[in-house]
C-alpha atoms as a PDB file:
ATOM      1  CA  UNK A   1     -17.213 -15.812  -5.253  1.00  0.00           C
ATOM      2  CA  UNK A   2     -13.778 -15.634  -3.677  1.00  0.00           C
ATOM      3  CA  UNK A   3     -11.013 -13.801  -5.540  1.00  0.00           C
ATOM      4  CA  UNK A   4      -7.794 -15.821  -5.239  1.00  0.00           C
ATOM      5  CA  UNK A   5      -4.665 -14.363  -6.868  1.00  0.00           C
ATOM      6  CA  UNK A   6      -1.897 -16.806  -7.750  1.00  0.00           C
ATOM      7  CA  UNK A   7       1.798 -16.681  -7.007  1.00  0.00           C
ATOM      8  CA  UNK A   8       3.856 -19.370  -8.719  1.00  0.00           C
ATOM      9  CA  UNK A   9       7.362 -19.921  -7.363  1.00  0.00           C
ATOM     10  CA  UNK A  10      10.545 -21.006  -9.142  1.00  0.00           C
ATOM     11  CA  UNK A  11      13.901 -20.433  -7.403  1.00  0.00           C
ATOM     12  CA  UNK A  12      12.087 -18.369  -4.763  1.00  0.00           C
ATOM     13  CA  UNK A  13      10.828 -15.903  -7.385  1.00  0.00           C
ATOM     14  CA  UNK A  14       7.335 -14.998  -8.566  1.00  0.00           C
ATOM     15  CA  UNK A  15       6.892 -16.348 -12.109  1.00  0.00           C
ATOM     16  CA  UNK A  16       4.213 -17.325 -14.616  1.00  0.00           C
ATOM     17  CA  UNK A  17       4.205 -20.070 -17.218  1.00  0.00           C
ATOM     18  CA  UNK A  18       2.036 -20.639 -20.293  1.00  0.00           C
ATOM     19  CA  UNK A  19       0.195 -23.980 -20.437  1.00  0.00           C
ATOM     20  CA  UNK A  20       2.460 -25.241 -17.652  1.00  0.00           C
ATOM     21  CA  UNK A  21       5.514 -25.160 -19.925  1.00  0.00           C
ATOM     22  CA  UNK A  22       8.616 -24.407 -17.828  1.00  0.00           C
ATOM     23  CA  UNK A  23      10.471 -23.052 -20.886  1.00  0.00           C
ATOM     24  CA  UNK A  24       7.947 -20.167 -21.042  1.00  0.00           C
ATOM     25  CA  UNK A  25       8.905 -18.943 -17.579  1.00  0.00           C
ATOM     26  CA  UNK A  26       8.608 -15.201 -17.057  1.00  0.00           C
ATOM     27  CA  UNK A  27       9.814 -13.641 -13.802  1.00  0.00           C
ATOM     28  CA  UNK A  28       7.481 -10.904 -12.511  1.00  0.00           C
ATOM     29  CA  UNK A  29       9.037 -10.212  -9.136  1.00  0.00           C
ATOM     30  CA  UNK A  30      12.123 -11.416  -7.289  1.00  0.00           C
ATOM     31  CA  UNK A  31      10.273 -11.080  -3.971  1.00  0.00           C
ATOM     32  CA  UNK A  32       6.937 -12.945  -3.682  1.00  0.00           C
ATOM     33  CA  UNK A  33       6.253 -11.346  -0.290  1.00  0.00           C
ATOM     34  CA  UNK A  34       6.062  -7.907  -1.965  1.00  0.00           C
ATOM     35  CA  UNK A  35       3.444  -9.242  -4.370  1.00  0.00           C
ATOM     36  CA  UNK A  36       1.464 -10.874  -1.548  1.00  0.00           C
ATOM     37  CA  UNK A  37       1.447  -7.604   0.387  1.00  0.00           C
ATOM     38  CA  UNK A  38       0.096  -5.780  -2.679  1.00  0.00           C
ATOM     39  CA  UNK A  39      -2.764  -8.274  -2.825  1.00  0.00           C
ATOM     40  CA  UNK A  40      -3.426  -7.860   0.882  1.00  0.00           C
ATOM     41  CA  UNK A  41      -3.398  -4.075   0.481  1.00  0.00           C
ATOM     42  CA  UNK A  42      -6.185  -4.368  -2.103  1.00  0.00           C
ATOM     43  CA  UNK A  43      -8.455  -6.089   0.400  1.00  0.00           C
ATOM     44  CA  UNK A  44      -7.800  -9.578  -0.947  1.00  0.00           C
ATOM     45  CA  UNK A  45      -7.970 -12.296   1.704  1.00  0.00           C
ATOM     46  CA  UNK A  46      -6.849 -15.405  -0.195  1.00  0.00           C
ATOM     47  CA  UNK A  47      -3.762 -16.591  -2.060  1.00  0.00           C
ATOM     48  CA  UNK A  48      -3.036 -19.580  -4.288  1.00  0.00           C
ATOM     49  CA  UNK A  49       0.668 -20.356  -3.842  1.00  0.00           C
ATOM     50  CA  UNK A  50       2.241 -22.937  -6.153  1.00  0.00           C
ATOM     51  CA  UNK A  51       5.655 -24.492  -5.643  1.00  0.00           C
ATOM     52  CA  UNK A  52       6.645 -25.166  -9.265  1.00  0.00           C
ATOM     53  CA  UNK A  53      10.070 -26.420  -8.172  1.00  0.00           C
ATOM     54  CA  UNK A  54       8.228 -28.836  -5.906  1.00  0.00           C
ATOM     55  CA  UNK A  55       5.930 -29.989  -8.698  1.00  0.00           C
ATOM     56  CA  UNK A  56       8.962 -30.858 -10.809  1.00  0.00           C
ATOM     57  CA  UNK A  57      10.987 -32.356  -7.932  1.00  0.00           C
ATOM     58  CA  UNK A  58       8.005 -34.318  -6.514  1.00  0.00           C
ATOM     59  CA  UNK A  59       8.526 -33.002  -2.995  1.00  0.00           C
ATOM     60  CA  UNK A  60       8.001 -29.675  -1.241  1.00  0.00           C
ATOM     61  CA  UNK A  61      10.780 -27.154  -2.008  1.00  0.00           C
ATOM     62  CA  UNK A  62       9.668 -23.553  -1.435  1.00  0.00           C
ATOM     63  CA  UNK A  63       8.112 -23.898   2.034  1.00  0.00           C
ATOM     64  CA  UNK A  64      10.275 -20.973   3.215  1.00  0.00           C
ATOM     65  CA  UNK A  65       8.373 -18.665   0.818  1.00  0.00           C
ATOM     66  CA  UNK A  66       5.096 -20.015   2.189  1.00  0.00           C
ATOM     67  CA  UNK A  67       6.229 -19.392   5.752  1.00  0.00           C
ATOM     68  CA  UNK A  68       7.383 -15.867   4.965  1.00  0.00           C
ATOM     69  CA  UNK A  69       4.056 -14.879   3.373  1.00  0.00           C
ATOM     70  CA  UNK A  70       2.005 -16.642   6.058  1.00  0.00           C
ATOM     71  CA  UNK A  71       3.813 -14.908   8.920  1.00  0.00           C
ATOM     72  CA  UNK A  72       4.021 -11.441   7.333  1.00  0.00           C
ATOM     73  CA  UNK A  73       0.506 -11.159   5.853  1.00  0.00           C
ATOM     74  CA  UNK A  74      -2.975 -12.199   6.965  1.00  0.00           C
ATOM     75  CA  UNK A  75      -3.689 -13.979   3.667  1.00  0.00           C
ATOM     76  CA  UNK A  76      -5.301 -17.409   3.838  1.00  0.00           C
ATOM     77  CA  UNK A  77      -3.032 -19.503   1.648  1.00  0.00           C
ATOM     78  CA  UNK A  78      -3.777 -22.648  -0.272  1.00  0.00           C
ATOM     79  CA  UNK A  79      -0.479 -24.294  -1.153  1.00  0.00           C
ATOM     80  CA  UNK A  80       0.292 -26.878  -3.817  1.00  0.00           C
ATOM     81  CA  UNK A  81       3.065 -28.316  -5.912  1.00  0.00           C
ATOM     82  CA  UNK A  82       5.021 -31.469  -5.150  1.00  0.00           C
ATOM     83  CA  UNK A  83       3.061 -32.596  -2.104  1.00  0.00           C
ATOM     84  CA  UNK A  84       3.538 -36.363  -2.220  1.00  0.00           C
ATOM     85  CA  UNK A  85       4.011 -37.568   1.361  1.00  0.00           C
ATOM     86  CA  UNK A  86       2.624 -37.052   4.844  1.00  0.00           C
ATOM     87  CA  UNK A  87       5.848 -35.206   5.647  1.00  0.00           C
ATOM     88  CA  UNK A  88       5.322 -32.772   2.727  1.00  0.00           C
ATOM     89  CA  UNK A  89       1.797 -31.996   3.917  1.00  0.00           C
ATOM     90  CA  UNK A  90       2.951 -31.634   7.524  1.00  0.00           C
ATOM     91  CA  UNK A  91       5.645 -29.138   6.443  1.00  0.00           C
ATOM     92  CA  UNK A  92       3.098 -27.152   4.393  1.00  0.00           C
ATOM     93  CA  UNK A  93       0.673 -26.808   7.296  1.00  0.00           C
ATOM     94  CA  UNK A  94       3.480 -26.102   9.768  1.00  0.00           C
ATOM     95  CA  UNK A  95       4.721 -23.380   7.391  1.00  0.00           C
ATOM     96  CA  UNK A  96       1.346 -21.639   7.484  1.00  0.00           C
ATOM     97  CA  UNK A  97      -0.872 -23.076   4.754  1.00  0.00           C
ATOM     98  CA  UNK A  98      -4.613 -22.812   5.461  1.00  0.00           C
ATOM     99  CA  UNK A  99      -5.316 -25.483   2.837  1.00  0.00           C
ATOM    100  CA  UNK A 100      -3.201 -27.696   0.615  1.00  0.00           C
ATOM    101  CA  UNK A 101      -3.897 -28.865  -2.915  1.00  0.00           C
ATOM    102  CA  UNK A 102      -3.171 -32.416  -4.018  1.00  0.00           C
ATOM    103  CA  UNK A 103      -3.245 -33.153  -7.725  1.00  0.00           C
ATOM    104  CA  UNK A 104      -0.869 -35.833  -8.979  1.00  0.00           C
ATOM    105  CA  UNK A 105      -0.995 -37.715  -5.675  1.00  0.00           C
ATOM    106  CA  UNK A 106      -4.777 -38.098  -6.030  1.00  0.00           C
ATOM    107  CA  UNK A 107      -4.133 -39.963  -9.291  1.00  0.00           C
ATOM    108  CA  UNK A 108      -1.055 -41.979  -8.368  1.00  0.00           C
ATOM    109  CA  UNK A 109      -1.767 -42.743  -4.700  1.00  0.00           C
ATOM    110  CA  UNK A 110      -5.432 -42.392  -3.825  1.00  0.00           C
ATOM    111  CA  UNK A 111      -4.922 -44.139  -0.497  1.00  0.00           C
ATOM    112  CA  UNK A 112      -2.425 -41.494   0.630  1.00  0.00           C
ATOM    113  CA  UNK A 113      -4.601 -38.603  -0.562  1.00  0.00           C
ATOM    114  CA  UNK A 114      -7.670 -40.018   1.202  1.00  0.00           C
ATOM    115  CA  UNK A 115      -5.627 -40.381   4.398  1.00  0.00           C
ATOM    116  CA  UNK A 116      -4.963 -36.618   4.303  1.00  0.00           C
ATOM    117  CA  UNK A 117      -8.709 -35.937   4.075  1.00  0.00           C
ATOM    118  CA  UNK A 118      -9.269 -38.201   7.085  1.00  0.00           C
ATOM    119  CA  UNK A 119      -6.439 -36.639   9.095  1.00  0.00           C
ATOM    120  CA  UNK A 120      -6.907 -32.933   8.346  1.00  0.00           C
ATOM    121  CA  UNK A 121     -10.557 -32.728   7.259  1.00  0.00           C
ATOM    122  CA  UNK A 122     -12.181 -32.069   3.903  1.00  0.00           C
ATOM    123  CA  UNK A 123     -12.146 -28.301   4.484  1.00  0.00           C
ATOM    124  CA  UNK A 124      -8.324 -28.363   4.507  1.00  0.00           C
ATOM    125  CA  UNK A 125      -7.633 -30.596   1.487  1.00  0.00           C
ATOM    126  CA  UNK A 126      -8.329 -29.357  -2.053  1.00  0.00           C
ATOM    127  CA  UNK A 127      -8.468 -31.756  -4.993  1.00  0.00           C
ATOM    128  CA  UNK A 128      -6.420 -30.434  -7.902  1.00  0.00           C
ATOM    129  CA  UNK A 129      -8.227 -31.628 -11.019  1.00  0.00           C
ATOM    130  CA  UNK A 130      -6.104 -30.148 -13.783  1.00  0.00           C
ATOM    131  CA  UNK A 131      -7.187 -31.193 -17.236  1.00  0.00           C
ATOM    132  CA  UNK A 132      -5.950 -31.258 -20.793  1.00  0.00           C
ATOM    133  CA  UNK A 133      -8.601 -32.254 -23.334  1.00  0.00           C
ATOM    134  CA  UNK A 134     -10.664 -33.136 -20.236  1.00  0.00           C
ATOM    135  CA  UNK A 135      -8.117 -35.771 -19.174  1.00  0.00           C
ATOM    136  CA  UNK A 136      -6.438 -35.304 -15.784  1.00  0.00           C
ATOM    137  CA  UNK A 137      -2.789 -34.180 -16.042  1.00  0.00           C
ATOM    138  CA  UNK A 138      -0.145 -34.882 -13.397  1.00  0.00           C
ATOM    139  CA  UNK A 139       3.489 -34.189 -12.417  1.00  0.00           C
ATOM    140  CA  UNK A 140       3.425 -30.445 -12.981  1.00  0.00           C
ATOM    141  CA  UNK A 141       1.308 -31.068 -16.099  1.00  0.00           C
ATOM    142  CA  UNK A 142       4.202 -32.915 -17.711  1.00  0.00           C
ATOM    143  CA  UNK A 143       2.159 -36.109 -18.041  1.00  0.00           C
ATOM    144  CA  UNK A 144      -1.428 -36.856 -19.053  1.00  0.00           C
ATOM    145  CA  UNK A 145      -3.435 -39.653 -17.414  1.00  0.00           C
ATOM    146  CA  UNK A 146      -6.304 -41.689 -18.869  1.00  0.00           C
ATOM    147  CA  UNK A 147      -8.746 -40.368 -16.268  1.00  0.00           C
ATOM    148  CA  UNK A 148     -11.597 -38.131 -17.398  1.00  0.00           C
ATOM    149  CA  UNK A 149     -11.914 -35.062 -15.223  1.00  0.00           C
ATOM    150  CA  UNK A 150     -15.636 -35.171 -14.314  1.00  0.00           C
ATOM    151  CA  UNK A 151     -15.735 -38.857 -13.214  1.00  0.00           C
ATOM    152  CA  UNK A 152     -12.438 -38.198 -11.379  1.00  0.00           C
ATOM    153  CA  UNK A 153     -14.001 -35.366  -9.370  1.00  0.00           C
ATOM    154  CA  UNK A 154     -17.166 -37.392  -8.681  1.00  0.00           C
ATOM    155  CA  UNK A 155     -15.135 -40.335  -7.385  1.00  0.00           C
ATOM    156  CA  UNK A 156     -13.433 -38.085  -4.842  1.00  0.00           C
ATOM    157  CA  UNK A 157     -16.694 -36.461  -3.803  1.00  0.00           C
ATOM    158  CA  UNK A 158     -17.648 -39.911  -2.550  1.00  0.00           C
ATOM    159  CA  UNK A 159     -14.472 -39.796  -0.410  1.00  0.00           C
ATOM    160  CA  UNK A 160     -15.527 -36.480   1.134  1.00  0.00           C
ATOM    161  CA  UNK A 161     -13.839 -33.895  -1.118  1.00  0.00           C
ATOM    162  CA  UNK A 162     -15.711 -30.570  -1.097  1.00  0.00           C
ATOM    163  CA  UNK A 163     -13.100 -28.227  -2.645  1.00  0.00           C
ATOM    164  CA  UNK A 164     -11.821 -28.665  -6.211  1.00  0.00           C
ATOM    165  CA  UNK A 165      -9.488 -26.478  -8.243  1.00  0.00           C
ATOM    166  CA  UNK A 166      -9.935 -27.203 -11.936  1.00  0.00           C
ATOM    167  CA  UNK A 167      -7.432 -25.742 -14.371  1.00  0.00           C
ATOM    168  CA  UNK A 168      -7.911 -26.191 -18.099  1.00  0.00           C
ATOM    169  CA  UNK A 169      -4.235 -26.434 -19.064  1.00  0.00           C
ATOM    170  CA  UNK A 170      -4.896 -25.398 -22.658  1.00  0.00           C
ATOM    171  CA  UNK A 171      -6.158 -22.059 -21.297  1.00  0.00           C
ATOM    172  CA  UNK A 172      -3.584 -21.488 -18.555  1.00  0.00           C
ATOM    173  CA  UNK A 173      -1.530 -18.344 -19.034  1.00  0.00           C
ATOM    174  CA  UNK A 174      -2.988 -17.747 -22.492  1.00  0.00           C
ATOM    175  CA  UNK A 175      -5.281 -14.820 -21.520  1.00  0.00           C
ATOM    176  CA  UNK A 176      -7.989 -16.137 -23.848  1.00  0.00           C
ATOM    177  CA  UNK A 177     -10.794 -16.656 -21.327  1.00  0.00           C
ATOM    178  CA  UNK A 178     -11.647 -19.543 -18.991  1.00  0.00           C
ATOM    179  CA  UNK A 179     -13.469 -22.807 -19.749  1.00  0.00           C
ATOM    180  CA  UNK A 180     -17.002 -21.706 -18.922  1.00  0.00           C
ATOM    181  CA  UNK A 181     -18.527 -24.753 -20.590  1.00  0.00           C
ATOM    182  CA  UNK A 182     -16.356 -27.219 -18.659  1.00  0.00           C
ATOM    183  CA  UNK A 183     -17.131 -25.547 -15.331  1.00  0.00           C
ATOM    184  CA  UNK A 184     -20.860 -25.520 -16.068  1.00  0.00           C
ATOM    185  CA  UNK A 185     -20.768 -29.247 -16.840  1.00  0.00           C
ATOM    186  CA  UNK A 186     -18.718 -30.040 -13.734  1.00  0.00           C
ATOM    187  CA  UNK A 187     -21.138 -28.164 -11.492  1.00  0.00           C
ATOM    188  CA  UNK A 188     -24.170 -29.650 -13.219  1.00  0.00           C
ATOM    189  CA  UNK A 189     -22.882 -33.232 -12.944  1.00  0.00           C
ATOM    190  CA  UNK A 190     -21.081 -33.082  -9.605  1.00  0.00           C
ATOM    191  CA  UNK A 191     -23.511 -31.015  -7.557  1.00  0.00           C
ATOM    192  CA  UNK A 192     -25.890 -33.966  -7.792  1.00  0.00           C
ATOM    193  CA  UNK A 193     -23.456 -35.958  -5.638  1.00  0.00           C
ATOM    194  CA  UNK A 194     -22.993 -33.302  -2.956  1.00  0.00           C
ATOM    195  CA  UNK A 195     -22.303 -29.571  -2.720  1.00  0.00           C
ATOM    196  CA  UNK A 196     -19.075 -28.808  -4.615  1.00  0.00           C
ATOM    197  CA  UNK A 197     -16.936 -25.712  -4.060  1.00  0.00           C
ATOM    198  CA  UNK A 198     -15.448 -25.357  -7.544  1.00  0.00           C
ATOM    199  CA  UNK A 199     -12.535 -22.974  -7.970  1.00  0.00           C
ATOM    200  CA  UNK A 200     -11.976 -21.937 -11.575  1.00  0.00           C
ATOM    201  CA  UNK A 201      -8.412 -21.522 -12.794  1.00  0.00           C
ATOM    202  CA  UNK A 202      -6.723 -20.847 -16.109  1.00  0.00           C
ATOM    203  CA  UNK A 203      -7.322 -18.368 -18.893  1.00  0.00           C
ATOM    204  CA  UNK A 204      -8.820 -15.466 -16.938  1.00  0.00           C
ATOM    205  CA  UNK A 205      -8.185 -12.487 -19.196  1.00  0.00           C
ATOM    206  CA  UNK A 206     -10.537  -9.647 -18.243  1.00  0.00           C
ATOM    207  CA  UNK A 207     -12.696  -8.480 -15.377  1.00  0.00           C
ATOM    208  CA  UNK A 208     -16.006  -9.164 -17.176  1.00  0.00           C
ATOM    209  CA  UNK A 209     -15.351 -12.919 -16.945  1.00  0.00           C
ATOM    210  CA  UNK A 210     -15.570 -12.874 -13.141  1.00  0.00           C
ATOM    211  CA  UNK A 211     -19.321 -12.170 -12.765  1.00  0.00           C
ATOM    212  CA  UNK A 212     -20.006 -14.862 -15.379  1.00  0.00           C
ATOM    213  CA  UNK A 213     -18.020 -17.445 -13.377  1.00  0.00           C
ATOM    214  CA  UNK A 214     -19.920 -16.402 -10.252  1.00  0.00           C
ATOM    215  CA  UNK A 215     -23.218 -16.786 -12.115  1.00  0.00           C
ATOM    216  CA  UNK A 216     -22.276 -20.321 -13.202  1.00  0.00           C
ATOM    217  CA  UNK A 217     -21.752 -21.148  -9.544  1.00  0.00           C
ATOM    218  CA  UNK A 218     -17.964 -21.168  -9.083  1.00  0.00           C
ATOM    219  CA  UNK A 219     -17.056 -20.718  -5.407  1.00  0.00           C
ATOM    220  CA  UNK A 220     -13.725 -19.084  -6.225  1.00  0.00           C
ATOM    221  CA  UNK A 221     -11.540 -17.981  -9.106  1.00  0.00           C
ATOM    222  CA  UNK A 222      -7.757 -18.063  -9.338  1.00  0.00           C
ATOM    223  CA  UNK A 223      -6.271 -15.147 -11.265  1.00  0.00           C
ATOM    224  CA  UNK A 224      -2.632 -15.079 -12.312  1.00  0.00           C
ATOM    225  CA  UNK A 225      -1.233 -13.610 -15.487  1.00  0.00           C
ATOM    226  CA  UNK A 226      -4.193 -11.242 -16.000  1.00  0.00           C
ATOM    227  CA  UNK A 227      -3.083  -9.377 -12.859  1.00  0.00           C
ATOM    228  CA  UNK A 228       0.622  -9.443 -13.704  1.00  0.00           C
ATOM    229  CA  UNK A 229       0.009  -8.252 -17.277  1.00  0.00           C
ATOM    230  CA  UNK A 230      -2.354  -5.492 -16.025  1.00  0.00           C
ATOM    231  CA  UNK A 231      -5.401  -6.932 -17.791  1.00  0.00           C
ATOM    232  CA  UNK A 232      -7.228  -6.842 -14.439  1.00  0.00           C
ATOM    233  CA  UNK A 233      -6.257  -4.194 -11.908  1.00  0.00           C
ATOM    234  CA  UNK A 234      -6.122  -4.637  -8.164  1.00  0.00           C
ATOM    235  CA  UNK A 235      -8.459  -1.630  -7.944  1.00  0.00           C
ATOM    236  CA  UNK A 236     -11.095  -3.528  -9.950  1.00  0.00           C
ATOM    237  CA  UNK A 237     -10.704  -6.557  -7.704  1.00  0.00           C
ATOM    238  CA  UNK A 238     -10.891  -4.402  -4.590  1.00  0.00           C
ATOM    239  CA  UNK A 239     -14.164  -2.847  -5.795  1.00  0.00           C
ATOM    240  CA  UNK A 240     -15.586  -6.275  -6.717  1.00  0.00           C
ATOM    241  CA  UNK A 241     -14.787  -7.647  -3.238  1.00  0.00           C
ATOM    242  CA  UNK A 242     -16.405  -4.618  -1.576  1.00  0.00           C
ATOM    243  CA  UNK A 243     -19.489  -4.854  -3.803  1.00  0.00           C
ATOM    244  CA  UNK A 244     -20.127  -8.573  -3.244  1.00  0.00           C
ATOM    245  CA  UNK A 245     -19.587  -8.225   0.509  1.00  0.00           C
END
């Protein structure tokens, strides 16, 4: 299972929110590149970079932060937040993203999202299936749709999606543990369609949860606040990566 730390960006700074609420913003570092280099130094190879300004503005904003991290580290970056147009996606890849995540766009403009899969390939485009009460949430989690998360994922598997990040918003930033049950059901239901690389996100609170997510069958796990609040140390993650490899 891949270990994927998260850096969320507001005003060019590394922040975390709780349940996606912008009023809960806490700044952890003024310089995201410093944080990325710490991850790299611990043997971590992947990074989940979220443009929260972009999510709110509905277009890419912090591509300069992406470019800085991509050019000054060897981290493979998946980038999301506010990607709505072909131009946004082009800028993200040009700025150094290895993959991009589309969430709201997959709900509001399926044709556009599917065109990205066709153009860049299913290994480059991640479906962001963020859920609240198992209903897909959009626009930086400010709005809930009527779509149920498991049928939503299955519908995109038919379009070629192989990577999915699923965040249970009620768990995000709360340090109360991830949605094991939801991930088990997603993998049970969706793996019948085709092989799904499910990346768990939201609620990770302690190291012991990681082997359990791997056992369920998650391909990756995104860890945010648990690292920043020293619930999980980079040393522990470094050892885990060495042990599984």
